[in-house]
Amino acid sequence: MFAKIAIAAGLVMSVLAATPVAAADTIYVIRHFEKEQGENPALTAQGRANAEALAAMLADKGVKAVYATATRRARETAEPLAKRLGLQVTDYEPNDVAALVSSVKAGKGAALIVGHSNTVPDLVGAFGGTHPAAIDESSYGTLYVVRDGNSIVEQITISSAPQQR
């Protein structure tokens, strides 16, 4: 009888050891903020202010990784939070969602992912959230919060006060 219990306990321990502990449990996905015109544009002043507002909002949310595409506008959206938390922004290929999902899920703690109007809905879906509607090219500032094991996606609007002119 003791041998059977020991074997069962060993099997349970091996399963637990194979399961990552505290894997990324909350994924924050957002489109980059307002951008200038041109090829690989920077953020506008409003976009930079909104990136700072996002950083302030997520500063105490346990974010352990920050991802962005290699575009200037996506990196400028991600950098204020990464800097505040002492992290590096990790580039990802928007065409390789499977690699991004694998990397994020291997991490511990929450993660921020900055994408684009044509990638954010698919990213939310890839992390288990209900796929949101398409994002209009003129729409900025919706943060999608996907929690592990829950397909319900919380949407939060990020907006700093308008700039004085």
Protein backbone atom coordinates (compact mmCIF):
# COMPACT_ATOMS: atom_id res chain seq x y z
CA MET A 1 0.00 0.00 0.00
CA PHE A 2 2.82 2.40 0.91
CA ALA A 3 4.47 1.69 -2.45
CA LYS A 4 1.29 2.66 -4.34
CA ILE A 5 1.01 5.91 -2.37
CA ALA A 6 4.67 6.69 -3.01
CA ILE A 7 4.24 6.06 -6.76
CA ALA A 8 1.10 8.21 -6.87
CA ALA A 9 2.84 10.98 -4.95
CA GLY A 10 5.79 10.77 -7.34
CA LEU A 11 3.47 11.10 -10.34
CA VAL A 12 1.74 14.12 -8.82
CA MET A 13 5.09 15.76 -8.06
CA SER A 14 6.35 15.17 -11.62
CA VAL A 15 3.18 16.74 -13.07
CA LEU A 16 3.50 19.73 -10.75
CA ALA A 17 7.18 20.13 -11.61
CA ALA A 18 6.34 20.21 -15.33
CA THR A 19 3.71 22.93 -14.85
CA PRO A 20 5.15 26.46 -14.91
CA VAL A 21 4.52 28.27 -11.67
CA ALA A 22 3.17 31.82 -11.87
CA ALA A 23 3.16 31.94 -15.65
CA ALA A 24 2.07 35.20 -17.24
CA ASP A 25 -1.43 35.54 -15.90
CA THR A 26 -2.51 38.94 -17.16
CA ILE A 27 -1.78 40.17 -20.65
CA TYR A 28 -2.26 43.84 -21.51
CA VAL A 29 -2.61 44.45 -25.26
CA ILE A 30 -2.80 47.93 -26.78
CA ARG A 31 -2.41 49.60 -30.12
CA HIS A 32 0.37 52.18 -30.24
CA PHE A 33 -0.77 55.71 -29.44
CA GLU A 34 -1.31 58.68 -31.77
CA LYS A 35 1.38 58.93 -34.43
CA GLU A 36 2.85 61.55 -36.72
CA GLN A 37 2.66 61.16 -40.51
CA GLY A 38 5.29 59.51 -42.68
CA GLU A 39 7.25 56.31 -42.84
CA ASN A 40 7.93 54.76 -39.41
CA PRO A 41 6.56 57.82 -37.60
CA ALA A 42 7.14 58.85 -34.02
CA LEU A 43 4.32 59.46 -31.56
CA THR A 44 2.69 62.87 -31.45
CA ALA A 45 2.88 64.94 -28.26
CA GLN A 46 -0.55 63.54 -27.33
CA GLY A 47 0.69 60.02 -28.05
CA ARG A 48 3.72 60.51 -25.80
CA ALA A 49 1.51 61.86 -23.02
CA ASN A 50 -0.78 58.85 -23.37
CA ALA A 51 2.22 56.49 -23.24
CA GLU A 52 3.20 58.13 -19.94
CA ALA A 53 -0.38 57.74 -18.66
CA LEU A 54 -0.27 54.03 -19.60
CA ALA A 55 3.03 53.64 -17.74
CA ALA A 56 1.58 55.27 -14.63
CA MET A 57 -1.49 53.04 -14.79
CA LEU A 58 0.44 49.78 -15.19
CA ALA A 59 3.37 50.61 -12.90
CA ASP A 60 1.99 48.57 -9.98
CA LYS A 61 0.29 45.78 -11.96
CA GLY A 62 3.13 43.25 -11.79
CA VAL A 63 4.30 43.69 -15.37
CA LYS A 64 7.49 41.68 -15.85
CA ALA A 65 7.82 41.89 -19.65
CA VAL A 66 7.14 44.52 -22.30
CA TYR A 67 6.83 43.63 -25.99
CA ALA A 68 6.49 45.85 -29.07
CA THR A 69 6.97 45.58 -32.79
CA ALA A 70 10.16 47.18 -34.08
CA THR A 71 8.28 50.26 -35.31
CA ARG A 72 9.12 53.58 -33.74
CA ARG A 73 5.52 54.32 -32.67
CA ALA A 74 5.11 50.94 -30.94
CA ARG A 75 8.44 51.20 -29.13
CA GLU A 76 7.69 54.78 -28.02
CA THR A 77 4.38 53.55 -26.60
CA ALA A 78 6.11 50.74 -24.66
CA GLU A 79 9.25 52.52 -23.47
CA PRO A 80 7.84 54.69 -20.64
CA LEU A 81 6.56 51.61 -18.78
CA ALA A 82 9.70 49.59 -19.49
CA LYS A 83 11.90 52.44 -18.25
CA ARG A 84 9.78 52.92 -15.12
CA LEU A 85 10.07 49.21 -14.30
CA GLY A 86 13.73 48.81 -15.27
CA LEU A 87 12.88 46.48 -18.16
CA GLN A 88 13.93 46.28 -21.79
CA VAL A 89 11.34 46.40 -24.56
CA THR A 90 11.45 43.06 -26.39
CA ASP A 91 10.80 43.24 -30.12
CA TYR A 92 8.43 40.72 -31.66
CA GLU A 93 7.49 39.88 -35.22
CA PRO A 94 3.82 40.72 -35.82
CA ASN A 95 3.64 37.87 -38.36
CA ASP A 96 4.76 35.25 -35.81
CA VAL A 97 2.05 35.38 -33.15
CA ALA A 98 2.78 31.80 -32.05
CA ALA A 99 6.36 32.74 -31.08
CA LEU A 100 5.12 35.77 -29.15
CA VAL A 101 2.49 33.73 -27.30
CA SER A 102 5.11 31.12 -26.41
CA SER A 103 7.54 33.75 -25.13
CA VAL A 104 4.91 35.56 -23.07
CA LYS A 105 3.47 32.38 -21.58
CA ALA A 106 6.96 31.23 -20.57
CA GLY A 107 7.36 34.37 -18.47
CA LYS A 108 6.27 35.09 -14.94
CA GLY A 109 4.01 37.99 -14.08
CA ALA A 110 1.96 40.23 -16.32
CA ALA A 111 3.05 41.42 -19.76
CA LEU A 112 2.33 44.44 -21.95
CA ILE A 113 2.15 43.93 -25.71
CA VAL A 114 2.02 46.92 -28.05
CA GLY A 115 0.65 46.21 -31.50
CA HIS A 116 -1.19 47.87 -34.35
CA SER A 117 -4.78 48.35 -35.49
CA ASN A 118 -4.52 45.28 -37.73
CA THR A 119 -2.85 43.02 -35.12
CA VAL A 120 -4.39 43.81 -31.73
CA PRO A 121 -7.67 41.88 -32.21
CA ASP A 122 -5.76 38.74 -33.23
CA LEU A 123 -3.34 39.14 -30.31
CA VAL A 124 -6.21 39.36 -27.83
CA GLY A 125 -7.69 36.19 -29.34
CA ALA A 126 -4.34 34.39 -29.33
CA PHE A 127 -4.08 34.90 -25.57
CA GLY A 128 -7.52 33.40 -24.98
CA GLY A 129 -9.64 36.53 -24.90
CA THR A 130 -12.80 37.01 -26.91
CA HIS A 131 -11.67 38.44 -30.24
CA PRO A 132 -12.61 42.16 -30.24
CA ALA A 133 -14.02 44.01 -33.22
CA ALA A 134 -11.66 45.49 -35.79
CA ILE A 135 -9.90 48.67 -34.69
CA ASP A 136 -10.51 51.75 -36.78
CA GLU A 137 -7.34 53.41 -38.08
CA SER A 138 -8.23 56.59 -36.15
CA SER A 139 -8.87 54.79 -32.84
CA TYR A 140 -6.24 54.91 -30.11
CA GLY A 141 -6.07 54.24 -26.41
CA THR A 142 -8.05 51.07 -25.78
CA LEU A 143 -6.18 48.71 -23.45
CA TYR A 144 -7.38 45.11 -23.63
CA VAL A 145 -6.85 43.12 -20.45
CA VAL A 146 -6.79 39.34 -20.90
CA ARG A 147 -6.63 37.27 -17.74
CA ASP A 148 -5.51 33.64 -17.83
CA GLY A 149 -8.42 31.23 -18.02
CA ASN A 150 -11.00 33.94 -18.74
CA SER A 151 -12.20 34.76 -22.25
CA ILE A 152 -13.87 37.96 -21.04
CA VAL A 153 -11.70 40.88 -22.05
CA GLU A 154 -11.73 44.06 -19.99
CA GLN A 155 -11.35 47.24 -22.05
CA ILE A 156 -9.90 50.37 -20.48
CA THR A 157 -9.50 53.70 -22.25
CA ILE A 158 -6.15 55.40 -21.74
CA SER A 159 -6.10 59.13 -22.34
CA SER A 160 -4.14 61.96 -20.86
CA ALA A 161 -5.60 65.44 -20.68
CA PRO A 162 -5.46 67.21 -24.08
CA GLN A 163 -2.34 69.27 -24.63
CA GLN A 164 -2.63 73.06 -24.20
CA ARG A 165 -1.82 74.96 -27.37
